[in-house]
């Protein structure tokens, strides 16, 4: 028999949407920050090549992961122990 998921309440859906939006924003900030570093840092060739794009994507992923870990951890502290 297939279990049906319980419908989530509005507060939980709002929290999940906020977490997703903030994660996307953190990814974009990390990506653009790394691309700006490669484009404008003195001493580097001011060319965005494939390696710079891959590293920037990795930085974006790490920024998103770090933000979500921090976001969930602080939300857990605010909620307190159950």
N, C-alpha and C. Protein backbone atom coordinates (compact mmCIF):
# COMPACT_ATOMS: atom_id res chain seq x y z
N UNK A 1 0.84 -1.17 0.00
CA UNK A 1 0.00 0.00 0.00
C UNK A 1 0.89 1.24 0.00
N UNK A 2 0.50 2.21 -0.73
CA UNK A 2 1.28 3.44 -0.87
C UNK A 2 0.85 4.43 0.21
N UNK A 3 1.85 4.94 0.92
CA UNK A 3 1.54 5.94 1.93
C UNK A 3 1.38 7.30 1.27
N UNK A 4 0.41 8.04 1.74
CA UNK A 4 0.22 9.38 1.22
C UNK A 4 0.90 10.36 2.15
N UNK A 5 1.50 11.38 1.55
CA UNK A 5 2.15 12.38 2.37
C UNK A 5 1.10 13.29 2.99
N UNK A 6 1.38 13.68 4.22
CA UNK A 6 0.50 14.61 4.89
C UNK A 6 0.61 15.98 4.20
N UNK A 7 -0.50 16.66 4.00
CA UNK A 7 -0.38 18.00 3.44
C UNK A 7 0.34 18.91 4.43
N UNK A 8 1.29 19.66 3.91
CA UNK A 8 2.07 20.53 4.78
C UNK A 8 1.30 21.81 5.05
N UNK A 9 1.53 22.34 6.23
CA UNK A 9 0.83 23.58 6.56
C UNK A 9 1.49 24.77 5.87
N UNK A 10 0.84 25.91 5.94
CA UNK A 10 1.29 27.10 5.22
C UNK A 10 2.63 27.61 5.76
N UNK A 11 2.83 27.52 7.06
CA UNK A 11 4.08 28.01 7.64
C UNK A 11 5.27 27.19 7.15
N UNK A 12 5.09 25.88 7.06
CA UNK A 12 6.17 25.02 6.58
C UNK A 12 6.46 25.27 5.11
N UNK A 13 5.42 25.48 4.32
CA UNK A 13 5.63 25.79 2.90
C UNK A 13 6.31 27.14 2.73
N UNK A 14 5.95 28.12 3.55
CA UNK A 14 6.58 29.44 3.47
C UNK A 14 8.06 29.34 3.85
N UNK A 15 8.38 28.56 4.89
CA UNK A 15 9.77 28.39 5.30
C UNK A 15 10.58 27.71 4.20
N UNK A 16 10.00 26.70 3.57
CA UNK A 16 10.70 26.00 2.49
C UNK A 16 10.93 26.93 1.30
N UNK A 17 9.95 27.75 0.96
CA UNK A 17 10.11 28.71 -0.13
C UNK A 17 11.18 29.75 0.18
N UNK A 18 11.20 30.22 1.43
CA UNK A 18 12.21 31.19 1.84
C UNK A 18 13.60 30.57 1.78
N UNK A 19 13.73 29.33 2.24
CA UNK A 19 15.01 28.63 2.21
C UNK A 19 15.49 28.46 0.76
N UNK A 20 14.58 28.14 -0.13
CA UNK A 20 14.94 27.96 -1.53
C UNK A 20 15.37 29.27 -2.18
N UNK A 21 14.60 30.35 -1.93
CA UNK A 21 14.96 31.65 -2.51
C UNK A 21 16.30 32.14 -1.99
N UNK A 22 16.54 31.98 -0.71
CA UNK A 22 17.81 32.41 -0.14
C UNK A 22 18.96 31.56 -0.67
N UNK A 23 18.72 30.28 -0.89
CA UNK A 23 19.75 29.41 -1.45
C UNK A 23 20.12 29.82 -2.87
N UNK A 24 19.13 30.17 -3.65
CA UNK A 24 19.39 30.62 -5.03
C UNK A 24 20.16 31.93 -5.01
N UNK A 25 19.77 32.83 -4.12
CA UNK A 25 20.49 34.11 -4.01
C UNK A 25 21.94 33.89 -3.60
N UNK A 26 22.19 32.99 -2.66
CA UNK A 26 23.56 32.70 -2.23
C UNK A 26 24.37 32.11 -3.37
N UNK A 27 23.76 31.24 -4.18
CA UNK A 27 24.46 30.67 -5.33
C UNK A 27 24.85 31.76 -6.31
N UNK A 28 23.93 32.66 -6.62
CA UNK A 28 24.19 33.72 -7.59
C UNK A 28 25.29 34.66 -7.07
N UNK A 29 25.23 35.00 -5.78
CA UNK A 29 26.26 35.88 -5.21
C UNK A 29 27.63 35.20 -5.27
N UNK A 30 27.70 33.92 -4.92
CA UNK A 30 28.97 33.20 -5.00
C UNK A 30 29.49 33.11 -6.42
N UNK A 31 28.62 32.81 -7.34
CA UNK A 31 29.00 32.70 -8.75
C UNK A 31 29.52 34.03 -9.29
N UNK A 32 28.76 35.10 -9.07
CA UNK A 32 29.18 36.40 -9.58
C UNK A 32 30.42 36.92 -8.86
N UNK A 33 30.53 36.64 -7.57
CA UNK A 33 31.72 37.06 -6.84
C UNK A 33 32.97 36.39 -7.37
N UNK A 34 32.89 35.10 -7.65
CA UNK A 34 34.05 34.39 -8.18
C UNK A 34 34.37 34.85 -9.60
N UNK A 35 33.35 35.08 -10.42
CA UNK A 35 33.60 35.59 -11.77
C UNK A 35 34.24 36.98 -11.73
N UNK A 36 33.77 37.82 -10.81
CA UNK A 36 34.35 39.15 -10.67
C UNK A 36 35.81 39.05 -10.22
N UNK A 37 36.10 38.10 -9.34
CA UNK A 37 37.47 37.90 -8.91
C UNK A 37 38.36 37.57 -10.10
N UNK A 38 37.93 36.62 -10.91
CA UNK A 38 38.73 36.23 -12.08
C UNK A 38 38.81 37.36 -13.11
N UNK A 39 37.81 38.20 -13.19
CA UNK A 39 37.81 39.26 -14.20
C UNK A 39 38.64 40.46 -13.78
N UNK A 40 38.69 40.79 -12.48
CA UNK A 40 39.27 42.06 -12.07
C UNK A 40 40.47 41.95 -11.13
N UNK A 41 40.82 40.76 -10.65
CA UNK A 41 41.94 40.65 -9.71
C UNK A 41 43.25 40.96 -10.43
N UNK A 42 44.06 41.87 -9.88
CA UNK A 42 45.32 42.21 -10.55
C UNK A 42 46.27 41.01 -10.63
N UNK A 43 46.94 40.90 -11.72
CA UNK A 43 47.91 39.82 -11.91
C UNK A 43 47.34 38.62 -12.64
N UNK A 44 46.05 38.50 -12.70
CA UNK A 44 45.44 37.41 -13.46
C UNK A 44 45.14 37.90 -14.87
N UNK A 45 45.18 37.00 -15.83
CA UNK A 45 44.74 37.42 -17.16
C UNK A 45 43.24 37.72 -17.10
N UNK A 46 42.84 38.84 -17.62
CA UNK A 46 41.45 39.27 -17.50
C UNK A 46 40.59 38.61 -18.57
N UNK A 47 40.60 37.30 -18.53
CA UNK A 47 39.84 36.50 -19.48
C UNK A 47 39.05 35.47 -18.68
N UNK A 48 37.79 35.38 -18.95
CA UNK A 48 36.96 34.36 -18.30
C UNK A 48 36.99 33.14 -19.21
N UNK A 49 37.74 32.12 -18.80
CA UNK A 49 37.83 30.91 -19.60
C UNK A 49 36.97 29.81 -18.95
N UNK A 50 37.04 28.65 -19.53
CA UNK A 50 36.23 27.53 -19.03
C UNK A 50 36.56 27.15 -17.60
N UNK A 51 37.82 27.19 -17.24
CA UNK A 51 38.21 26.86 -15.87
C UNK A 51 37.66 27.85 -14.87
N UNK A 52 37.66 29.13 -15.23
CA UNK A 52 37.11 30.14 -14.34
C UNK A 52 35.61 29.95 -14.16
N UNK A 53 34.93 29.56 -15.20
CA UNK A 53 33.49 29.32 -15.11
C UNK A 53 33.22 28.11 -14.21
N UNK A 54 33.99 27.04 -14.38
CA UNK A 54 33.79 25.86 -13.54
C UNK A 54 34.08 26.15 -12.07
N UNK A 55 35.15 26.88 -11.81
CA UNK A 55 35.48 27.24 -10.43
C UNK A 55 34.39 28.15 -9.86
N UNK A 56 33.88 29.06 -10.65
CA UNK A 56 32.82 29.96 -10.19
C UNK A 56 31.54 29.19 -9.87
N UNK A 57 31.23 28.20 -10.69
CA UNK A 57 30.07 27.35 -10.39
C UNK A 57 30.28 26.59 -9.09
N UNK A 58 31.49 26.09 -8.88
CA UNK A 58 31.78 25.37 -7.63
C UNK A 58 31.68 26.30 -6.43
N UNK A 59 32.17 27.53 -6.56
CA UNK A 59 32.05 28.50 -5.47
C UNK A 59 30.58 28.82 -5.21
N UNK A 60 29.79 28.94 -6.26
CA UNK A 60 28.36 29.18 -6.09
C UNK A 60 27.67 28.04 -5.36
N UNK A 61 28.03 26.82 -5.71
CA UNK A 61 27.45 25.64 -5.04
C UNK A 61 27.86 25.62 -3.57
N UNK A 62 29.13 25.89 -3.29
CA UNK A 62 29.59 25.93 -1.89
C UNK A 62 28.91 27.05 -1.10
N UNK A 63 28.71 28.20 -1.74
CA UNK A 63 28.02 29.30 -1.06
C UNK A 63 26.58 28.92 -0.74
N UNK A 64 25.90 28.27 -1.68
CA UNK A 64 24.52 27.84 -1.45
C UNK A 64 24.46 26.80 -0.34
N UNK A 65 25.36 25.85 -0.36
CA UNK A 65 25.39 24.81 0.67
C UNK A 65 25.65 25.43 2.04
N UNK A 66 26.64 26.31 2.11
CA UNK A 66 26.96 26.95 3.38
C UNK A 66 25.82 27.78 3.91
N UNK A 67 25.16 28.51 3.04
CA UNK A 67 24.03 29.33 3.46
C UNK A 67 22.90 28.45 3.98
N UNK A 68 22.59 27.38 3.30
CA UNK A 68 21.49 26.53 3.72
C UNK A 68 21.80 25.83 5.04
N UNK A 69 23.04 25.41 5.25
CA UNK A 69 23.41 24.81 6.53
C UNK A 69 23.23 25.83 7.64
N UNK A 70 23.70 27.05 7.42
CA UNK A 70 23.57 28.09 8.43
C UNK A 70 22.11 28.44 8.66
N UNK A 71 21.32 28.54 7.60
CA UNK A 71 19.91 28.90 7.69
C UNK A 71 19.12 27.87 8.49
N UNK A 72 19.35 26.59 8.20
CA UNK A 72 18.64 25.53 8.91
C UNK A 72 19.08 25.46 10.37
N UNK A 73 20.39 25.64 10.60
CA UNK A 73 20.90 25.59 11.97
C UNK A 73 20.33 26.72 12.82
N UNK A 74 20.28 27.94 12.28
CA UNK A 74 19.76 29.06 13.06
C UNK A 74 18.25 28.94 13.23
N UNK A 75 17.56 28.38 12.25
CA UNK A 75 16.12 28.18 12.40
C UNK A 75 15.84 27.15 13.49
N UNK A 76 16.69 26.14 13.60
CA UNK A 76 16.54 25.14 14.65
C UNK A 76 16.78 25.73 16.02
N UNK A 77 17.73 26.64 16.15
CA UNK A 77 18.00 27.28 17.43
C UNK A 77 16.86 28.19 17.85
N UNK A 78 16.24 28.87 16.87
CA UNK A 78 15.12 29.75 17.17
C UNK A 78 13.90 28.95 17.63
N UNK A 79 13.71 27.78 17.04
CA UNK A 79 12.54 26.97 17.38
C UNK A 79 12.71 26.34 18.77
N UNK A 80 13.94 26.07 19.16
CA UNK A 80 14.18 25.47 20.46
C UNK A 80 13.95 23.96 20.42
N UNK A 81 14.33 23.29 21.51
CA UNK A 81 14.15 21.83 21.52
C UNK A 81 12.68 21.47 21.65
N UNK A 82 12.30 20.41 20.97
CA UNK A 82 10.90 19.94 21.03
C UNK A 82 10.70 18.92 22.10
